[in-house]
Amino acid sequence: MEIALSARPDTLSDELLATLAAYPKKIVLEMGVQLFNDKLLTEINRGHDVAAVLDAFERINHYGLTTCVHLILNLPGATMDDTLQAVAILNRYGIERVKLHSLYIPKGSAIAQQYLAGELEMIGPMDYYDRLEEFIKRAHPDMIIERLFARAPETDSLFCNWDRSWRFLQNEFERRLEDKQIYQGEMYQA
């Protein structure tokens, strides 16, 4: 049995990590990182920078805890280079788990106002698939990829998965991997 706790990288004190490490059940820290790009982290008002994330990874590893990182591969302004940088960092720090998300835009949010005003440049699903493929090819073969697409109630969101169900996208993407004979870790470099 394990317990998953949501955490921000800038809120993890050594005292908290030591307490969690001493807990008798396995603790998984779910960290919403989103991406490793300081400019975009500032634009989306994350409240932390890349340095805070890397420091958290080092300290979490020191205490022997498991980390599951949440990344959004299609944030407006993010590029394929951001995807490649993300997987390289996760590999370097031995991150055990990742949840990859496609962006969804909740109604009433700050990003919703930008979306409605036409101020956001959104990539299409095929470009997202390209990013997923490159991530998967480079991910450590033992990294557990828990999710590939976001899920959000239609009534609460303006944009999610290009108006397709996550299951449709998942099936289509899995067929694409099979057709191209892509497997996790085929381009992994230690």
C-alpha atoms as a PDB file:
ATOM      1  CA  MET A   1       0.000   0.000   0.000  1.00  0.00           C
ATOM      2  CA  GLU A   2       1.159   3.506  -0.725  1.00  0.00           C
ATOM      3  CA  ILE A   3      -0.020   7.010  -0.036  1.00  0.00           C
ATOM      4  CA  ALA A   4       0.165   9.740  -2.691  1.00  0.00           C
ATOM      5  CA  LEU A   5       0.544  13.319  -1.506  1.00  0.00           C
ATOM      6  CA  SER A   6       0.332  16.372  -3.726  1.00  0.00           C
ATOM      7  CA  ALA A   7       3.221  18.730  -3.208  1.00  0.00           C
ATOM      8  CA  ARG A   8       4.696  21.878  -4.645  1.00  0.00           C
ATOM      9  CA  PRO A   9       8.461  21.807  -5.065  1.00  0.00           C
ATOM     10  CA  ASP A  10       8.865  25.075  -3.162  1.00  0.00           C
ATOM     11  CA  THR A  11       7.076  23.812  -0.030  1.00  0.00           C
ATOM     12  CA  LEU A  12       9.086  20.700   0.844  1.00  0.00           C
ATOM     13  CA  SER A  13      11.162  21.333   3.943  1.00  0.00           C
ATOM     14  CA  ASP A  14      13.783  18.855   5.112  1.00  0.00           C
ATOM     15  CA  GLU A  15      11.755  18.389   8.308  1.00  0.00           C
ATOM     16  CA  LEU A  16       8.681  17.367   6.283  1.00  0.00           C
ATOM     17  CA  LEU A  17      10.687  15.048   4.022  1.00  0.00           C
ATOM     18  CA  ALA A  18      12.317  13.360   7.024  1.00  0.00           C
ATOM     19  CA  THR A  19       8.897  12.834   8.609  1.00  0.00           C
ATOM     20  CA  LEU A  20       7.512  11.337   5.395  1.00  0.00           C
ATOM     21  CA  ALA A  21      10.569   9.104   4.978  1.00  0.00           C
ATOM     22  CA  ALA A  22      10.018   7.704   8.477  1.00  0.00           C
ATOM     23  CA  TYR A  23       6.376   6.855   7.775  1.00  0.00           C
ATOM     24  CA  PRO A  24       5.867   3.060   7.632  1.00  0.00           C
ATOM     25  CA  LYS A  25       3.899   3.090   4.353  1.00  0.00           C
ATOM     26  CA  LYS A  26       5.336   4.055   0.960  1.00  0.00           C
ATOM     27  CA  ILE A  27       4.879   7.759   0.216  1.00  0.00           C
ATOM     28  CA  VAL A  28       4.662   9.064  -3.352  1.00  0.00           C
ATOM     29  CA  LEU A  29       5.065  12.813  -3.771  1.00  0.00           C
ATOM     30  CA  GLU A  30       2.977  14.029  -6.711  1.00  0.00           C
ATOM     31  CA  MET A  31       4.599  17.236  -7.918  1.00  0.00           C
ATOM     32  CA  GLY A  32       2.917  19.558 -10.380  1.00  0.00           C
ATOM     33  CA  VAL A  33       5.979  20.858 -12.174  1.00  0.00           C
ATOM     34  CA  GLN A  34       4.308  21.436 -15.604  1.00  0.00           C
ATOM     35  CA  LEU A  35       7.604  22.171 -17.439  1.00  0.00           C
ATOM     36  CA  PHE A  36      11.229  23.182 -16.942  1.00  0.00           C
ATOM     37  CA  ASN A  37      11.208  26.656 -18.468  1.00  0.00           C
ATOM     38  CA  ASP A  38      11.534  29.622 -16.102  1.00  0.00           C
ATOM     39  CA  LYS A  39       9.993  32.105 -18.555  1.00  0.00           C
ATOM     40  CA  LEU A  40       6.853  30.016 -19.011  1.00  0.00           C
ATOM     41  CA  LEU A  41       6.657  29.093 -15.312  1.00  0.00           C
ATOM     42  CA  THR A  42       6.533  32.829 -14.582  1.00  0.00           C
ATOM     43  CA  GLU A  43       3.939  33.438 -17.309  1.00  0.00           C
ATOM     44  CA  ILE A  44       1.616  30.775 -15.893  1.00  0.00           C
ATOM     45  CA  ASN A  45       2.198  32.064 -12.355  1.00  0.00           C
ATOM     46  CA  ARG A  46       3.459  28.779 -10.904  1.00  0.00           C
ATOM     47  CA  GLY A  47       5.172  30.507  -7.991  1.00  0.00           C
ATOM     48  CA  HIS A  48       8.390  28.470  -8.322  1.00  0.00           C
ATOM     49  CA  ASP A  49      11.262  28.242 -10.751  1.00  0.00           C
ATOM     50  CA  VAL A  50      13.287  25.379 -12.199  1.00  0.00           C
ATOM     51  CA  ALA A  51      15.954  25.728  -9.497  1.00  0.00           C
ATOM     52  CA  ALA A  52      13.322  25.065  -6.798  1.00  0.00           C
ATOM     53  CA  VAL A  53      12.224  21.904  -8.626  1.00  0.00           C
ATOM     54  CA  LEU A  54      15.765  20.572  -9.002  1.00  0.00           C
ATOM     55  CA  ASP A  55      16.504  21.309  -5.340  1.00  0.00           C
ATOM     56  CA  ALA A  56      13.325  19.432  -4.365  1.00  0.00           C
ATOM     57  CA  PHE A  57      14.361  16.443  -6.511  1.00  0.00           C
ATOM     58  CA  GLU A  58      17.768  16.287  -4.838  1.00  0.00           C
ATOM     59  CA  ARG A  59      16.300  16.461  -1.342  1.00  0.00           C
ATOM     60  CA  ILE A  60      13.500  13.962  -2.104  1.00  0.00           C
ATOM     61  CA  ASN A  61      16.099  11.539  -3.458  1.00  0.00           C
ATOM     62  CA  HIS A  62      18.211  12.060  -0.334  1.00  0.00           C
ATOM     63  CA  TYR A  63      15.279  10.882   1.813  1.00  0.00           C
ATOM     64  CA  GLY A  64      14.518   7.939  -0.470  1.00  0.00           C
ATOM     65  CA  LEU A  65      10.990   9.010  -1.346  1.00  0.00           C
ATOM     66  CA  THR A  66       9.237   8.312  -4.651  1.00  0.00           C
ATOM     67  CA  THR A  67       8.334  11.178  -6.965  1.00  0.00           C
ATOM     68  CA  CYS A  68       5.620  11.381  -9.606  1.00  0.00           C
ATOM     69  CA  VAL A  69       6.031  14.504 -11.745  1.00  0.00           C
ATOM     70  CA  HIS A  70       3.133  16.092 -13.603  1.00  0.00           C
ATOM     71  CA  LEU A  71       4.055  17.738 -16.918  1.00  0.00           C
ATOM     72  CA  ILE A  72       1.959  19.592 -19.499  1.00  0.00           C
ATOM     73  CA  LEU A  73       3.538  19.061 -22.903  1.00  0.00           C
ATOM     74  CA  ASN A  74       1.366  21.504 -24.845  1.00  0.00           C
ATOM     75  CA  LEU A  75       1.365  24.663 -22.770  1.00  0.00           C
ATOM     76  CA  PRO A  76       1.155  27.682 -25.071  1.00  0.00           C
ATOM     77  CA  GLY A  77       4.714  28.773 -25.782  1.00  0.00           C
ATOM     78  CA  ALA A  78       6.241  25.385 -24.915  1.00  0.00           C
ATOM     79  CA  THR A  79       8.268  23.682 -27.630  1.00  0.00           C
ATOM     80  CA  MET A  80       9.619  20.256 -28.469  1.00  0.00           C
ATOM     81  CA  ASP A  81      12.869  21.428 -26.857  1.00  0.00           C
ATOM     82  CA  ASP A  82      10.976  21.863 -23.566  1.00  0.00           C
ATOM     83  CA  THR A  83       9.755  18.261 -23.871  1.00  0.00           C
ATOM     84  CA  LEU A  84      13.273  16.965 -24.543  1.00  0.00           C
ATOM     85  CA  GLN A  85      14.666  18.991 -21.645  1.00  0.00           C
ATOM     86  CA  ALA A  86      11.952  17.645 -19.331  1.00  0.00           C
ATOM     87  CA  VAL A  87      12.637  13.988 -20.064  1.00  0.00           C
ATOM     88  CA  ALA A  88      16.400  14.555 -19.744  1.00  0.00           C
ATOM     89  CA  ILE A  89      15.937  16.129 -16.304  1.00  0.00           C
ATOM     90  CA  LEU A  90      13.598  13.384 -15.108  1.00  0.00           C
ATOM     91  CA  ASN A  91      16.119  10.764 -16.246  1.00  0.00           C
ATOM     92  CA  ARG A  92      19.019  12.590 -14.601  1.00  0.00           C
ATOM     93  CA  TYR A  93      17.238  12.724 -11.240  1.00  0.00           C
ATOM     94  CA  GLY A  94      15.928   9.171 -11.411  1.00  0.00           C
ATOM     95  CA  ILE A  95      12.279  10.192 -11.291  1.00  0.00           C
ATOM     96  CA  GLU A  96      10.278   6.989 -11.011  1.00  0.00           C
ATOM     97  CA  ARG A  97       6.889   8.138 -12.291  1.00  0.00           C
ATOM     98  CA  VAL A  98       5.404  10.781 -14.542  1.00  0.00           C
ATOM     99  CA  LYS A  99       1.930  11.913 -15.510  1.00  0.00           C
ATOM    100  CA  LEU A 100       1.902  13.647 -18.870  1.00  0.00           C
ATOM    101  CA  HIS A 101      -0.997  15.989 -19.416  1.00  0.00           C
ATOM    102  CA  SER A 102      -2.524  17.699 -22.375  1.00  0.00           C
ATOM    103  CA  LEU A 103      -3.546  21.215 -21.426  1.00  0.00           C
ATOM    104  CA  TYR A 104      -7.108  21.820 -20.376  1.00  0.00           C
ATOM    105  CA  ILE A 105      -8.529  25.260 -19.752  1.00  0.00           C
ATOM    106  CA  PRO A 106     -11.024  25.570 -16.897  1.00  0.00           C
ATOM    107  CA  LYS A 107     -13.826  28.081 -17.257  1.00  0.00           C
ATOM    108  CA  GLY A 108     -13.296  31.219 -15.200  1.00  0.00           C
ATOM    109  CA  SER A 109      -9.502  30.884 -15.026  1.00  0.00           C
ATOM    110  CA  ALA A 110      -6.974  33.529 -16.064  1.00  0.00           C
ATOM    111  CA  ILE A 111      -5.884  31.365 -19.000  1.00  0.00           C
ATOM    112  CA  ALA A 112      -9.548  31.052 -20.033  1.00  0.00           C
ATOM    113  CA  GLN A 113      -9.667  34.806 -20.598  1.00  0.00           C
ATOM    114  CA  GLN A 114      -6.596  34.580 -22.828  1.00  0.00           C
ATOM    115  CA  TYR A 115      -8.071  31.616 -24.699  1.00  0.00           C
ATOM    116  CA  LEU A 116     -11.396  33.383 -25.320  1.00  0.00           C
ATOM    117  CA  ALA A 117      -9.542  36.494 -26.527  1.00  0.00           C
ATOM    118  CA  GLY A 118      -7.612  34.371 -29.047  1.00  0.00           C
ATOM    119  CA  GLU A 119      -4.292  35.200 -27.372  1.00  0.00           C
ATOM    120  CA  LEU A 120      -3.068  31.609 -27.043  1.00  0.00           C
ATOM    121  CA  GLU A 121      -1.367  29.630 -29.758  1.00  0.00           C
ATOM    122  CA  MET A 122      -2.421  26.014 -29.298  1.00  0.00           C
ATOM    123  CA  ILE A 123      -0.700  23.109 -30.995  1.00  0.00           C
ATOM    124  CA  GLY A 124      -2.799  20.403 -32.628  1.00  0.00           C
ATOM    125  CA  PRO A 125      -3.116  16.798 -31.485  1.00  0.00           C
ATOM    126  CA  MET A 126      -0.556  15.477 -34.013  1.00  0.00           C
ATOM    127  CA  ASP A 127       2.069  17.886 -32.659  1.00  0.00           C
ATOM    128  CA  TYR A 128       1.180  16.696 -29.160  1.00  0.00           C
ATOM    129  CA  TYR A 129       1.609  13.088 -30.310  1.00  0.00           C
ATOM    130  CA  ASP A 130       5.050  14.025 -31.674  1.00  0.00           C
ATOM    131  CA  ARG A 131       6.033  15.361 -28.252  1.00  0.00           C
ATOM    132  CA  LEU A 132       4.692  12.265 -26.514  1.00  0.00           C
ATOM    133  CA  GLU A 133       6.647  10.018 -28.879  1.00  0.00           C
ATOM    134  CA  GLU A 134       9.918  11.841 -28.284  1.00  0.00           C
ATOM    135  CA  PHE A 135       9.364  11.808 -24.534  1.00  0.00           C
ATOM    136  CA  ILE A 136       8.603   8.073 -24.507  1.00  0.00           C
ATOM    137  CA  LYS A 137      11.567   7.170 -26.710  1.00  0.00           C
ATOM    138  CA  ARG A 138      13.949   8.969 -24.346  1.00  0.00           C
ATOM    139  CA  ALA A 139      12.364   8.065 -20.997  1.00  0.00           C
ATOM    140  CA  HIS A 140      14.207   5.602 -18.786  1.00  0.00           C
ATOM    141  CA  PRO A 141      12.815   2.137 -19.590  1.00  0.00           C
ATOM    142  CA  ASP A 142      11.757   1.663 -15.945  1.00  0.00           C
ATOM    143  CA  MET A 143      10.015   5.034 -15.572  1.00  0.00           C
ATOM    144  CA  ILE A 144       6.304   4.496 -15.037  1.00  0.00           C
ATOM    145  CA  ILE A 145       4.247   6.724 -17.332  1.00  0.00           C
ATOM    146  CA  GLU A 146       0.917   6.889 -15.539  1.00  0.00           C
ATOM    147  CA  ARG A 147      -0.966   9.202 -17.878  1.00  0.00           C
ATOM    148  CA  LEU A 148      -0.721  10.655 -21.382  1.00  0.00           C
ATOM    149  CA  PHE A 149      -3.809  12.903 -21.602  1.00  0.00           C
ATOM    150  CA  ALA A 150      -5.758  15.159 -19.297  1.00  0.00           C
ATOM    151  CA  ARG A 151      -9.327  14.529 -18.277  1.00  0.00           C
ATOM    152  CA  ALA A 152     -11.719  17.325 -17.399  1.00  0.00           C
ATOM    153  CA  PRO A 153     -15.506  17.584 -17.278  1.00  0.00           C
ATOM    154  CA  GLU A 154     -16.813  19.258 -20.440  1.00  0.00           C
ATOM    155  CA  THR A 155     -19.132  21.440 -18.395  1.00  0.00           C
ATOM    156  CA  ASP A 156     -16.168  22.934 -16.517  1.00  0.00           C
ATOM    157  CA  SER A 157     -13.670  23.473 -19.334  1.00  0.00           C
ATOM    158  CA  LEU A 158     -13.299  25.577 -22.463  1.00  0.00           C
ATOM    159  CA  PHE A 159     -10.580  23.431 -24.007  1.00  0.00           C
ATOM    160  CA  CYS A 160      -9.597  19.846 -23.382  1.00  0.00           C
ATOM    161  CA  ASN A 161      -8.111  17.291 -25.749  1.00  0.00           C
ATOM    162  CA  TRP A 162      -9.129  19.107 -28.926  1.00  0.00           C
ATOM    163  CA  ASP A 163     -12.790  18.240 -28.207  1.00  0.00           C
ATOM    164  CA  ARG A 164     -12.049  14.512 -28.316  1.00  0.00           C
ATOM    165  CA  SER A 165     -12.330  12.010 -25.519  1.00  0.00           C
ATOM    166  CA  TRP A 166      -9.104  11.098 -23.770  1.00  0.00           C
ATOM    167  CA  ARG A 167      -9.837   7.437 -24.533  1.00  0.00           C
ATOM    168  CA  PHE A 168     -10.072   8.162 -28.283  1.00  0.00           C
ATOM    169  CA  LEU A 169      -6.738   9.989 -28.179  1.00  0.00           C
ATOM    170  CA  GLN A 170      -5.156   7.248 -26.088  1.00  0.00           C
ATOM    171  CA  ASN A 171      -6.264   4.545 -28.525  1.00  0.00           C
ATOM    172  CA  GLU A 172      -5.176   6.557 -31.557  1.00  0.00           C
ATOM    173  CA  PHE A 173      -1.787   7.277 -29.995  1.00  0.00           C
ATOM    174  CA  GLU A 174      -1.215   3.656 -28.991  1.00  0.00           C
ATOM    175  CA  ARG A 175      -1.938   2.563 -32.583  1.00  0.00           C
ATOM    176  CA  ARG A 176       0.557   5.163 -33.779  1.00  0.00           C
ATOM    177  CA  LEU A 177       3.226   3.768 -31.433  1.00  0.00           C
ATOM    178  CA  GLU A 178       2.553   0.250 -32.688  1.00  0.00           C
ATOM    179  CA  ASP A 179       2.594   1.287 -36.352  1.00  0.00           C
ATOM    180  CA  LYS A 180       5.915   3.111 -35.909  1.00  0.00           C
ATOM    181  CA  GLN A 181       7.277   0.383 -33.601  1.00  0.00           C
ATOM    182  CA  ILE A 182       8.192   2.948 -30.950  1.00  0.00           C
ATOM    183  CA  TYR A 183       8.992   1.705 -27.475  1.00  0.00           C
ATOM    184  CA  GLN A 184       9.889   3.365 -24.223  1.00  0.00           C
ATOM    185  CA  GLY A 185      13.578   3.953 -23.713  1.00  0.00           C
ATOM    186  CA  GLU A 186      14.736   3.162 -27.243  1.00  0.00           C
ATOM    187  CA  MET A 187      16.742   6.417 -27.261  1.00  0.00           C
ATOM    188  CA  TYR A 188      17.473   6.540 -23.523  1.00  0.00           C
ATOM    189  CA  GLN A 189      20.976   7.671 -22.615  1.00  0.00           C
ATOM    190  CA  ALA A 190      22.253   7.364 -19.078  1.00  0.00           C
END
